[in-house]
Amino acid sequence: MKTHRDWKALVAGHAKMTGADLPQHTIDELAAHLEDIYTEALKGGAPDAQAYRLAETALSESPLATVPRKRARSMSCRQDAA
């Protein structure tokens, strides 16, 4: 039996933990990817817990920590760019 998982919350929580500032569409895409990994594992005969661990592992191995946090540009930078 397939358990309902909140993949978006999992991705958002992992991003926050690593300091990555991901836009919502990126969270949505990563969540869909994790759900695909999970679903494929279930189709392949993996138990629910193992399928979930595979998706979690894929997320934990992703380099989200390399995604920079949003930084507010200083007013002088905005004026220089104009």
PDB file of N, CA and C in Angstrom:
ATOM      1  N   MET A   1       0.838  -1.193   0.000  1.00  0.00           N
ATOM      2  CA  MET A   1       0.000   0.000   0.000  1.00  0.00           C
ATOM      3  C   MET A   1       0.875   1.246   0.000  1.00  0.00           C
ATOM      4  N   LYS A   2       0.569   2.171  -0.882  1.00  0.00           N
ATOM      5  CA  LYS A   2       1.336   3.410  -1.012  1.00  0.00           C
ATOM      6  C   LYS A   2       0.892   4.409   0.052  1.00  0.00           C
ATOM      7  N   THR A   3       1.833   4.874   0.836  1.00  0.00           N
ATOM      8  CA  THR A   3       1.563   5.853   1.881  1.00  0.00           C
ATOM      9  C   THR A   3       1.678   7.255   1.290  1.00  0.00           C
ATOM     10  N   HIS A   4       0.774   8.146   1.684  1.00  0.00           N
ATOM     11  CA  HIS A   4       0.867   9.528   1.212  1.00  0.00           C
ATOM     12  C   HIS A   4       2.077  10.202   1.863  1.00  0.00           C
ATOM     13  N   ARG A   5       2.895  10.810   1.050  1.00  0.00           N
ATOM     14  CA  ARG A   5       4.082  11.511   1.544  1.00  0.00           C
ATOM     15  C   ARG A   5       4.003  12.977   1.125  1.00  0.00           C
ATOM     16  N   ASP A   6       4.472  13.851   1.989  1.00  0.00           N
ATOM     17  CA  ASP A   6       4.510  15.280   1.668  1.00  0.00           C
ATOM     18  C   ASP A   6       5.909  15.604   1.151  1.00  0.00           C
ATOM     19  N   TRP A   7       6.120  15.354  -0.138  1.00  0.00           N
ATOM     20  CA  TRP A   7       7.441  15.518  -0.747  1.00  0.00           C
ATOM     21  C   TRP A   7       7.889  16.972  -0.748  1.00  0.00           C
ATOM     22  N   LYS A   8       6.950  17.888  -0.951  1.00  0.00           N
ATOM     23  CA  LYS A   8       7.316  19.313  -0.961  1.00  0.00           C
ATOM     24  C   LYS A   8       7.830  19.752   0.406  1.00  0.00           C
ATOM     25  N   ALA A   9       7.188  19.284   1.467  1.00  0.00           N
ATOM     26  CA  ALA A   9       7.645  19.624   2.815  1.00  0.00           C
ATOM     27  C   ALA A   9       9.020  19.022   3.084  1.00  0.00           C
ATOM     28  N   LEU A  10       9.252  17.811   2.584  1.00  0.00           N
ATOM     29  CA  LEU A  10      10.554  17.173   2.763  1.00  0.00           C
ATOM     30  C   LEU A  10      11.649  17.979   2.070  1.00  0.00           C
ATOM     31  N   VAL A  11      11.390  18.401   0.829  1.00  0.00           N
ATOM     32  CA  VAL A  11      12.375  19.195   0.086  1.00  0.00           C
ATOM     33  C   VAL A  11      12.592  20.549   0.751  1.00  0.00           C
ATOM     34  N   ALA A  12      11.507  21.219   1.119  1.00  0.00           N
ATOM     35  CA  ALA A  12      11.620  22.540   1.758  1.00  0.00           C
ATOM     36  C   ALA A  12      12.390  22.451   3.066  1.00  0.00           C
ATOM     37  N   GLY A  13      12.120  21.425   3.852  1.00  0.00           N
ATOM     38  CA  GLY A  13      12.832  21.245   5.113  1.00  0.00           C
ATOM     39  C   GLY A  13      14.308  20.983   4.900  1.00  0.00           C
ATOM     40  N   HIS A  14      14.627  20.169   3.908  1.00  0.00           N
ATOM     41  CA  HIS A  14      16.030  19.875   3.613  1.00  0.00           C
ATOM     42  C   HIS A  14      16.738  21.133   3.102  1.00  0.00           C
ATOM     43  N   ALA A  15      16.065  21.888   2.262  1.00  0.00           N
ATOM     44  CA  ALA A  15      16.652  23.135   1.749  1.00  0.00           C
ATOM     45  C   ALA A  15      16.942  24.095   2.897  1.00  0.00           C
ATOM     46  N   LYS A  16      16.007  24.223   3.797  1.00  0.00           N
ATOM     47  CA  LYS A  16      16.197  25.122   4.946  1.00  0.00           C
ATOM     48  C   LYS A  16      17.377  24.661   5.802  1.00  0.00           C
ATOM     49  N   MET A  17      17.456  23.348   6.023  1.00  0.00           N
ATOM     50  CA  MET A  17      18.529  22.794   6.842  1.00  0.00           C
ATOM     51  C   MET A  17      19.906  23.036   6.214  1.00  0.00           C
ATOM     52  N   THR A  18      19.970  23.006   4.878  1.00  0.00           N
ATOM     53  CA  THR A  18      21.253  23.196   4.201  1.00  0.00           C
ATOM     54  C   THR A  18      21.543  24.663   3.897  1.00  0.00           C
ATOM     55  N   GLY A  19      20.561  25.530   4.148  1.00  0.00           N
ATOM     56  CA  GLY A  19      20.763  26.953   3.886  1.00  0.00           C
ATOM     57  C   GLY A  19      20.464  27.359   2.458  1.00  0.00           C
ATOM     58  N   ALA A  20      19.879  26.455   1.679  1.00  0.00           N
ATOM     59  CA  ALA A  20      19.541  26.774   0.289  1.00  0.00           C
ATOM     60  C   ALA A  20      18.224  27.538   0.250  1.00  0.00           C
ATOM     61  N   ASP A  21      18.154  28.530  -0.601  1.00  0.00           N
ATOM     62  CA  ASP A  21      16.936  29.322  -0.769  1.00  0.00           C
ATOM     63  C   ASP A  21      16.355  28.965  -2.130  1.00  0.00           C
ATOM     64  N   LEU A  22      15.450  27.994  -2.150  1.00  0.00           N
ATOM     65  CA  LEU A  22      14.912  27.487  -3.407  1.00  0.00           C
ATOM     66  C   LEU A  22      13.588  28.150  -3.750  1.00  0.00           C
ATOM     67  N   PRO A  23      13.423  28.547  -5.004  1.00  0.00           N
ATOM     68  CA  PRO A  23      12.113  29.054  -5.422  1.00  0.00           C
ATOM     69  C   PRO A  23      11.092  27.914  -5.405  1.00  0.00           C
ATOM     70  N   GLN A  24       9.822  28.260  -5.301  1.00  0.00           N
ATOM     71  CA  GLN A  24       8.762  27.255  -5.181  1.00  0.00           C
ATOM     72  C   GLN A  24       8.765  26.278  -6.350  1.00  0.00           C
ATOM     73  N   HIS A  25       9.012  26.770  -7.570  1.00  0.00           N
ATOM     74  CA  HIS A  25       8.978  25.843  -8.710  1.00  0.00           C
ATOM     75  C   HIS A  25      10.097  24.809  -8.628  1.00  0.00           C
ATOM     76  N   THR A  26      11.212  25.154  -8.026  1.00  0.00           N
ATOM     77  CA  THR A  26      12.304  24.199  -7.840  1.00  0.00           C
ATOM     78  C   THR A  26      11.922  23.166  -6.790  1.00  0.00           C
ATOM     79  N   ILE A  27      11.297  23.608  -5.720  1.00  0.00           N
ATOM     80  CA  ILE A  27      10.805  22.684  -4.697  1.00  0.00           C
ATOM     81  C   ILE A  27       9.811  21.708  -5.318  1.00  0.00           C
ATOM     82  N   ASP A  28       8.911  22.235  -6.147  1.00  0.00           N
ATOM     83  CA  ASP A  28       7.916  21.392  -6.805  1.00  0.00           C
ATOM     84  C   ASP A  28       8.577  20.340  -7.700  1.00  0.00           C
ATOM     85  N   GLU A  29       9.577  20.758  -8.465  1.00  0.00           N
ATOM     86  CA  GLU A  29      10.280  19.834  -9.370  1.00  0.00           C
ATOM     87  C   GLU A  29      11.027  18.757  -8.598  1.00  0.00           C
ATOM     88  N   LEU A  30      11.738  19.162  -7.568  1.00  0.00           N
ATOM     89  CA  LEU A  30      12.475  18.181  -6.761  1.00  0.00           C
ATOM     90  C   LEU A  30      11.516  17.215  -6.060  1.00  0.00           C
ATOM     91  N   ALA A  31      10.401  17.729  -5.581  1.00  0.00           N
ATOM     92  CA  ALA A  31       9.407  16.881  -4.923  1.00  0.00           C
ATOM     93  C   ALA A  31       8.856  15.844  -5.904  1.00  0.00           C
ATOM     94  N   ALA A  32       8.589  16.274  -7.125  1.00  0.00           N
ATOM     95  CA  ALA A  32       8.093  15.338  -8.149  1.00  0.00           C
ATOM     96  C   ALA A  32       9.140  14.265  -8.451  1.00  0.00           C
ATOM     97  N   HIS A  33      10.389  14.660  -8.498  1.00  0.00           N
ATOM     98  CA  HIS A  33      11.475  13.708  -8.742  1.00  0.00           C
ATOM     99  C   HIS A  33      11.559  12.678  -7.614  1.00  0.00           C
ATOM    100  N   LEU A  34      11.463  13.134  -6.381  1.00  0.00           N
ATOM    101  CA  LEU A  34      11.500  12.210  -5.245  1.00  0.00           C
ATOM    102  C   LEU A  34      10.314  11.255  -5.269  1.00  0.00           C
ATOM    103  N   GLU A  35       9.152  11.778  -5.624  1.00  0.00           N
ATOM    104  CA  GLU A  35       7.975  10.916  -5.711  1.00  0.00           C
ATOM    105  C   GLU A  35       8.158   9.859  -6.797  1.00  0.00           C
ATOM    106  N   ASP A  36       8.787  10.243  -7.917  1.00  0.00           N
ATOM    107  CA  ASP A  36       9.074   9.280  -8.983  1.00  0.00           C
ATOM    108  C   ASP A  36      10.007   8.172  -8.494  1.00  0.00           C
ATOM    109  N   ILE A  37      11.039   8.545  -7.751  1.00  0.00           N
ATOM    110  CA  ILE A  37      11.978   7.553  -7.205  1.00  0.00           C
ATOM    111  C   ILE A  37      11.232   6.589  -6.289  1.00  0.00           C
ATOM    112  N   TYR A  38      10.407   7.142  -5.426  1.00  0.00           N
ATOM    113  CA  TYR A  38       9.624   6.364  -4.472  1.00  0.00           C
ATOM    114  C   TYR A  38       8.678   5.408  -5.203  1.00  0.00           C
ATOM    115  N   THR A  39       7.934   5.929  -6.167  1.00  0.00           N
ATOM    116  CA  THR A  39       6.950   5.136  -6.901  1.00  0.00           C
ATOM    117  C   THR A  39       7.613   4.010  -7.686  1.00  0.00           C
ATOM    118  N   GLU A  40       8.725   4.327  -8.334  1.00  0.00           N
ATOM    119  CA  GLU A  40       9.444   3.307  -9.096  1.00  0.00           C
ATOM    120  C   GLU A  40       9.974   2.200  -8.183  1.00  0.00           C
ATOM    121  N   ALA A  41      10.441   2.585  -7.007  1.00  0.00           N
ATOM    122  CA  ALA A  41      10.929   1.580  -6.052  1.00  0.00           C
ATOM    123  C   ALA A  41       9.784   0.668  -5.610  1.00  0.00           C
ATOM    124  N   LEU A  42       8.614   1.252  -5.360  1.00  0.00           N
ATOM    125  CA  LEU A  42       7.456   0.445  -4.975  1.00  0.00           C
ATOM    126  C   LEU A  42       7.059  -0.505  -6.098  1.00  0.00           C
ATOM    127  N   LYS A  43       7.060   0.009  -7.331  1.00  0.00           N
ATOM    128  CA  LYS A  43       6.725  -0.831  -8.489  1.00  0.00           C
ATOM    129  C   LYS A  43       7.723  -1.974  -8.645  1.00  0.00           C
ATOM    130  N   GLY A  44       8.963  -1.711  -8.239  1.00  0.00           N
ATOM    131  CA  GLY A  44      10.001  -2.734  -8.323  1.00  0.00           C
ATOM    132  C   GLY A  44       9.954  -3.739  -7.184  1.00  0.00           C
ATOM    133  N   GLY A  45       8.998  -3.573  -6.288  1.00  0.00           N
ATOM    134  CA  GLY A  45       8.821  -4.531  -5.212  1.00  0.00           C
ATOM    135  C   GLY A  45       9.417  -4.124  -3.875  1.00  0.00           C
ATOM    136  N   ALA A  46       9.971  -2.923  -3.778  1.00  0.00           N
ATOM    137  CA  ALA A  46      10.545  -2.476  -2.505  1.00  0.00           C
ATOM    138  C   ALA A  46       9.427  -2.192  -1.499  1.00  0.00           C
ATOM    139  N   PRO A  47       9.650  -2.526  -0.248  1.00  0.00           N
ATOM    140  CA  PRO A  47       8.673  -2.145   0.787  1.00  0.00           C
ATOM    141  C   PRO A  47       8.613  -0.617   0.910  1.00  0.00           C
ATOM    142  N   ASP A  48       7.518  -0.127   1.459  1.00  0.00           N
ATOM    143  CA  ASP A  48       7.311   1.318   1.580  1.00  0.00           C
ATOM    144  C   ASP A  48       8.486   2.025   2.262  1.00  0.00           C
ATOM    145  N   ALA A  49       8.936   1.501   3.376  1.00  0.00           N
ATOM    146  CA  ALA A  49      10.019   2.153   4.124  1.00  0.00           C
ATOM    147  C   ALA A  49      11.302   2.229   3.303  1.00  0.00           C
ATOM    148  N   GLN A  50      11.604   1.182   2.562  1.00  0.00           N
ATOM    149  CA  GLN A  50      12.812   1.182   1.731  1.00  0.00           C
ATOM    150  C   GLN A  50      12.677   2.171   0.577  1.00  0.00           C
ATOM    151  N   ALA A  51      11.503   2.214  -0.036  1.00  0.00           N
ATOM    152  CA  ALA A  51      11.261   3.157  -1.137  1.00  0.00           C
ATOM    153  C   ALA A  51      11.424   4.594  -0.640  1.00  0.00           C
ATOM    154  N   TYR A  52      10.905   4.866   0.550  1.00  0.00           N
ATOM    155  CA  TYR A  52      11.034   6.206   1.125  1.00  0.00           C
ATOM    156  C   TYR A  52      12.502   6.538   1.405  1.00  0.00           C
ATOM    157  N   ARG A  53      13.233   5.570   1.943  1.00  0.00           N
ATOM    158  CA  ARG A  53      14.660   5.791   2.221  1.00  0.00           C
ATOM    159  C   ARG A  53      15.442   6.083   0.941  1.00  0.00           C
ATOM    160  N   LEU A  54      15.076   5.434  -0.153  1.00  0.00           N
ATOM    161  CA  LEU A  54      15.745   5.704  -1.432  1.00  0.00           C
ATOM    162  C   LEU A  54      15.529   7.159  -1.858  1.00  0.00           C
ATOM    163  N   ALA A  55      14.306   7.639  -1.705  1.00  0.00           N
ATOM    164  CA  ALA A  55      14.010   9.037  -2.049  1.00  0.00           C
ATOM    165  C   ALA A  55      14.741   9.985  -1.104  1.00  0.00           C
ATOM    166  N   GLU A  56      14.722   9.676   0.188  1.00  0.00           N
ATOM    167  CA  GLU A  56      15.444  10.505   1.166  1.00  0.00           C
ATOM    168  C   GLU A  56      16.936  10.557   0.864  1.00  0.00           C
ATOM    169  N   THR A  57      17.496   9.423   0.500  1.00  0.00           N
ATOM    170  CA  THR A  57      18.922   9.355   0.174  1.00  0.00           C
ATOM    171  C   THR A  57      19.234  10.213  -1.044  1.00  0.00           C
ATOM    172  N   ALA A  58      18.382  10.137  -2.046  1.00  0.00           N
ATOM    173  CA  ALA A  58      18.585  10.963  -3.242  1.00  0.00           C
ATOM    174  C   ALA A  58      18.590  12.444  -2.871  1.00  0.00           C
ATOM    175  N   LEU A  59      17.685  12.841  -2.000  1.00  0.00           N
ATOM    176  CA  LEU A  59      17.625  14.236  -1.573  1.00  0.00           C
ATOM    177  C   LEU A  59      18.858  14.611  -0.754  1.00  0.00           C
ATOM    178  N   SER A  60      19.247  13.752   0.164  1.00  0.00           N
ATOM    179  CA  SER A  60      20.390  14.079   1.018  1.00  0.00           C
ATOM    180  C   SER A  60      21.695  14.146   0.231  1.00  0.00           C
ATOM    181  N   GLU A  61      21.759  13.441  -0.893  1.00  0.00           N
ATOM    182  CA  GLU A  61      22.956  13.470  -1.731  1.00  0.00           C
ATOM    183  C   GLU A  61      22.961  14.627  -2.719  1.00  0.00           C
ATOM    184  N   SER A  62      21.841  15.342  -2.807  1.00  0.00           N
ATOM    185  CA  SER A  62      21.778  16.476  -3.730  1.00  0.00           C
ATOM    186  C   SER A  62      22.560  17.655  -3.157  1.00  0.00           C
ATOM    187  N   PRO A  63      23.210  18.395  -4.008  1.00  0.00           N
ATOM    188  CA  PRO A  63      24.068  19.495  -3.536  1.00  0.00           C
ATOM    189  C   PRO A  63      23.319  20.795  -3.249  1.00  0.00           C
ATOM    190  N   LEU A  64      22.250  20.722  -2.484  1.00  0.00           N
ATOM    191  CA  LEU A  64      21.478  21.933  -2.186  1.00  0.00           C
ATOM    192  C   LEU A  64      22.294  22.966  -1.422  1.00  0.00           C
ATOM    193  N   ALA A  65      23.283  22.528  -0.673  1.00  0.00           N
ATOM    194  CA  ALA A  65      24.084  23.468   0.103  1.00  0.00           C
ATOM    195  C   ALA A  65      24.855  24.420  -0.806  1.00  0.00           C
ATOM    196  N   THR A  66      25.005  24.067  -2.079  1.00  0.00           N
ATOM    197  CA  THR A  66      25.722  24.953  -3.002  1.00  0.00           C
ATOM    198  C   THR A  66      24.812  26.019  -3.599  1.00  0.00           C
ATOM    199  N   VAL A  67      23.503  25.929  -3.345  1.00  0.00           N
ATOM    200  CA  VAL A  67      22.572  26.947  -3.833  1.00  0.00           C
ATOM    201  C   VAL A  67      22.647  28.132  -2.877  1.00  0.00           C
ATOM    202  N   PRO A  68      23.012  29.305  -3.396  1.00  0.00           N
ATOM    203  CA  PRO A  68      23.172  30.454  -2.493  1.00  0.00           C
ATOM    204  C   PRO A  68      21.848  30.944  -1.938  1.00  0.00           C
ATOM    205  N   ARG A  69      21.939  31.522  -0.745  1.00  0.00           N
ATOM    206  CA  ARG A  69      20.779  32.187  -0.171  1.00  0.00           C
ATOM    207  C   ARG A  69      20.554  33.473  -0.939  1.00  0.00           C
ATOM    208  N   LYS A  70      19.319  33.921  -0.943  1.00  0.00           N
ATOM    209  CA  LYS A  70      19.033  35.210  -1.569  1.00  0.00           C
ATOM    210  C   LYS A  70      19.714  36.292  -0.757  1.00  0.00           C
ATOM    211  N   ARG A  71      20.304  37.204  -1.452  1.00  0.00           N
ATOM    212  CA  ARG A  71      20.935  38.338  -0.763  1.00  0.00           C
ATOM    213  C   ARG A  71      20.324  39.619  -1.287  1.00  0.00           C
ATOM    214  N   ALA A  72      20.004  40.475  -0.389  1.00  0.00           N
ATOM    215  CA  ALA A  72      19.491  41.785  -0.795  1.00  0.00           C
ATOM    216  C   ALA A  72      20.669  42.620  -1.276  1.00  0.00           C
ATOM    217  N   ARG A  73      20.527  43.155  -2.469  1.00  0.00           N
ATOM    218  CA  ARG A  73      21.584  44.017  -2.971  1.00  0.00           C
ATOM    219  C   ARG A  73      21.491  45.379  -2.281  1.00  0.00           C
ATOM    220  N   SER A  74      22.616  45.942  -2.054  1.00  0.00           N
ATOM    221  CA  SER A  74      22.617  47.255  -1.405  1.00  0.00           C
ATOM    222  C   SER A  74      22.069  48.295  -2.374  1.00  0.00           C
ATOM    223  N   MET A  75      21.626  49.401  -1.834  1.00  0.00           N
ATOM    224  CA  MET A  75      21.080  50.465  -2.646  1.00  0.00           C
ATOM    225  C   MET A  75      22.112  50.985  -3.638  1.00  0.00           C
ATOM    226  N   SER A  76      23.383  51.043  -3.225  1.00  0.00           N
ATOM    227  CA  SER A  76      24.420  51.566  -4.129  1.00  0.00           C
ATOM    228  C   SER A  76      24.598  50.633  -5.336  1.00  0.00           C
ATOM    229  N   CYS A  77      24.465  49.340  -5.138  1.00  0.00           N
ATOM    230  CA  CYS A  77      24.570  48.399  -6.264  1.00  0.00           C
ATOM    231  C   CYS A  77      23.418  48.609  -7.241  1.00  0.00           C
ATOM    232  N   ARG A  78      22.241  48.873  -6.700  1.00  0.00           N
ATOM    233  CA  ARG A  78      21.074  49.101  -7.569  1.00  0.00           C
ATOM    234  C   ARG A  78      21.254  50.379  -8.366  1.00  0.00           C
ATOM    235  N   GLN A  79      21.803  51.392  -7.735  1.00  0.00           N
ATOM    236  CA  GLN A  79      22.010  52.669  -8.429  1.00  0.00           C
ATOM    237  C   GLN A  79      23.094  52.530  -9.479  1.00  0.00           C
ATOM    238  N   ASP A  80      24.150  51.776  -9.170  1.00  0.00           N
ATOM    239  CA  ASP A  80      25.228  51.568 -10.131  1.00  0.00           C
ATOM    240  C   ASP A  80      24.753  50.836 -11.359  1.00  0.00           C
ATOM    241  N   ALA A  81      23.806  49.931 -11.187  1.00  0.00           N
ATOM    242  CA  ALA A  81      23.310  49.133 -12.296  1.00  0.00           C
ATOM    243  C   ALA A  81      22.395  49.947 -13.198  1.00  0.00           C
ATOM    244  N   ALA A  82      21.851  51.019 -12.694  1.00  0.00           N
ATOM    245  CA  ALA A  82      20.881  51.819 -13.472  1.00  0.00           C
ATOM    246  C   ALA A  82      21.552  52.677 -14.508  1.00  0.00           C
TER     247      ALA A  82
END
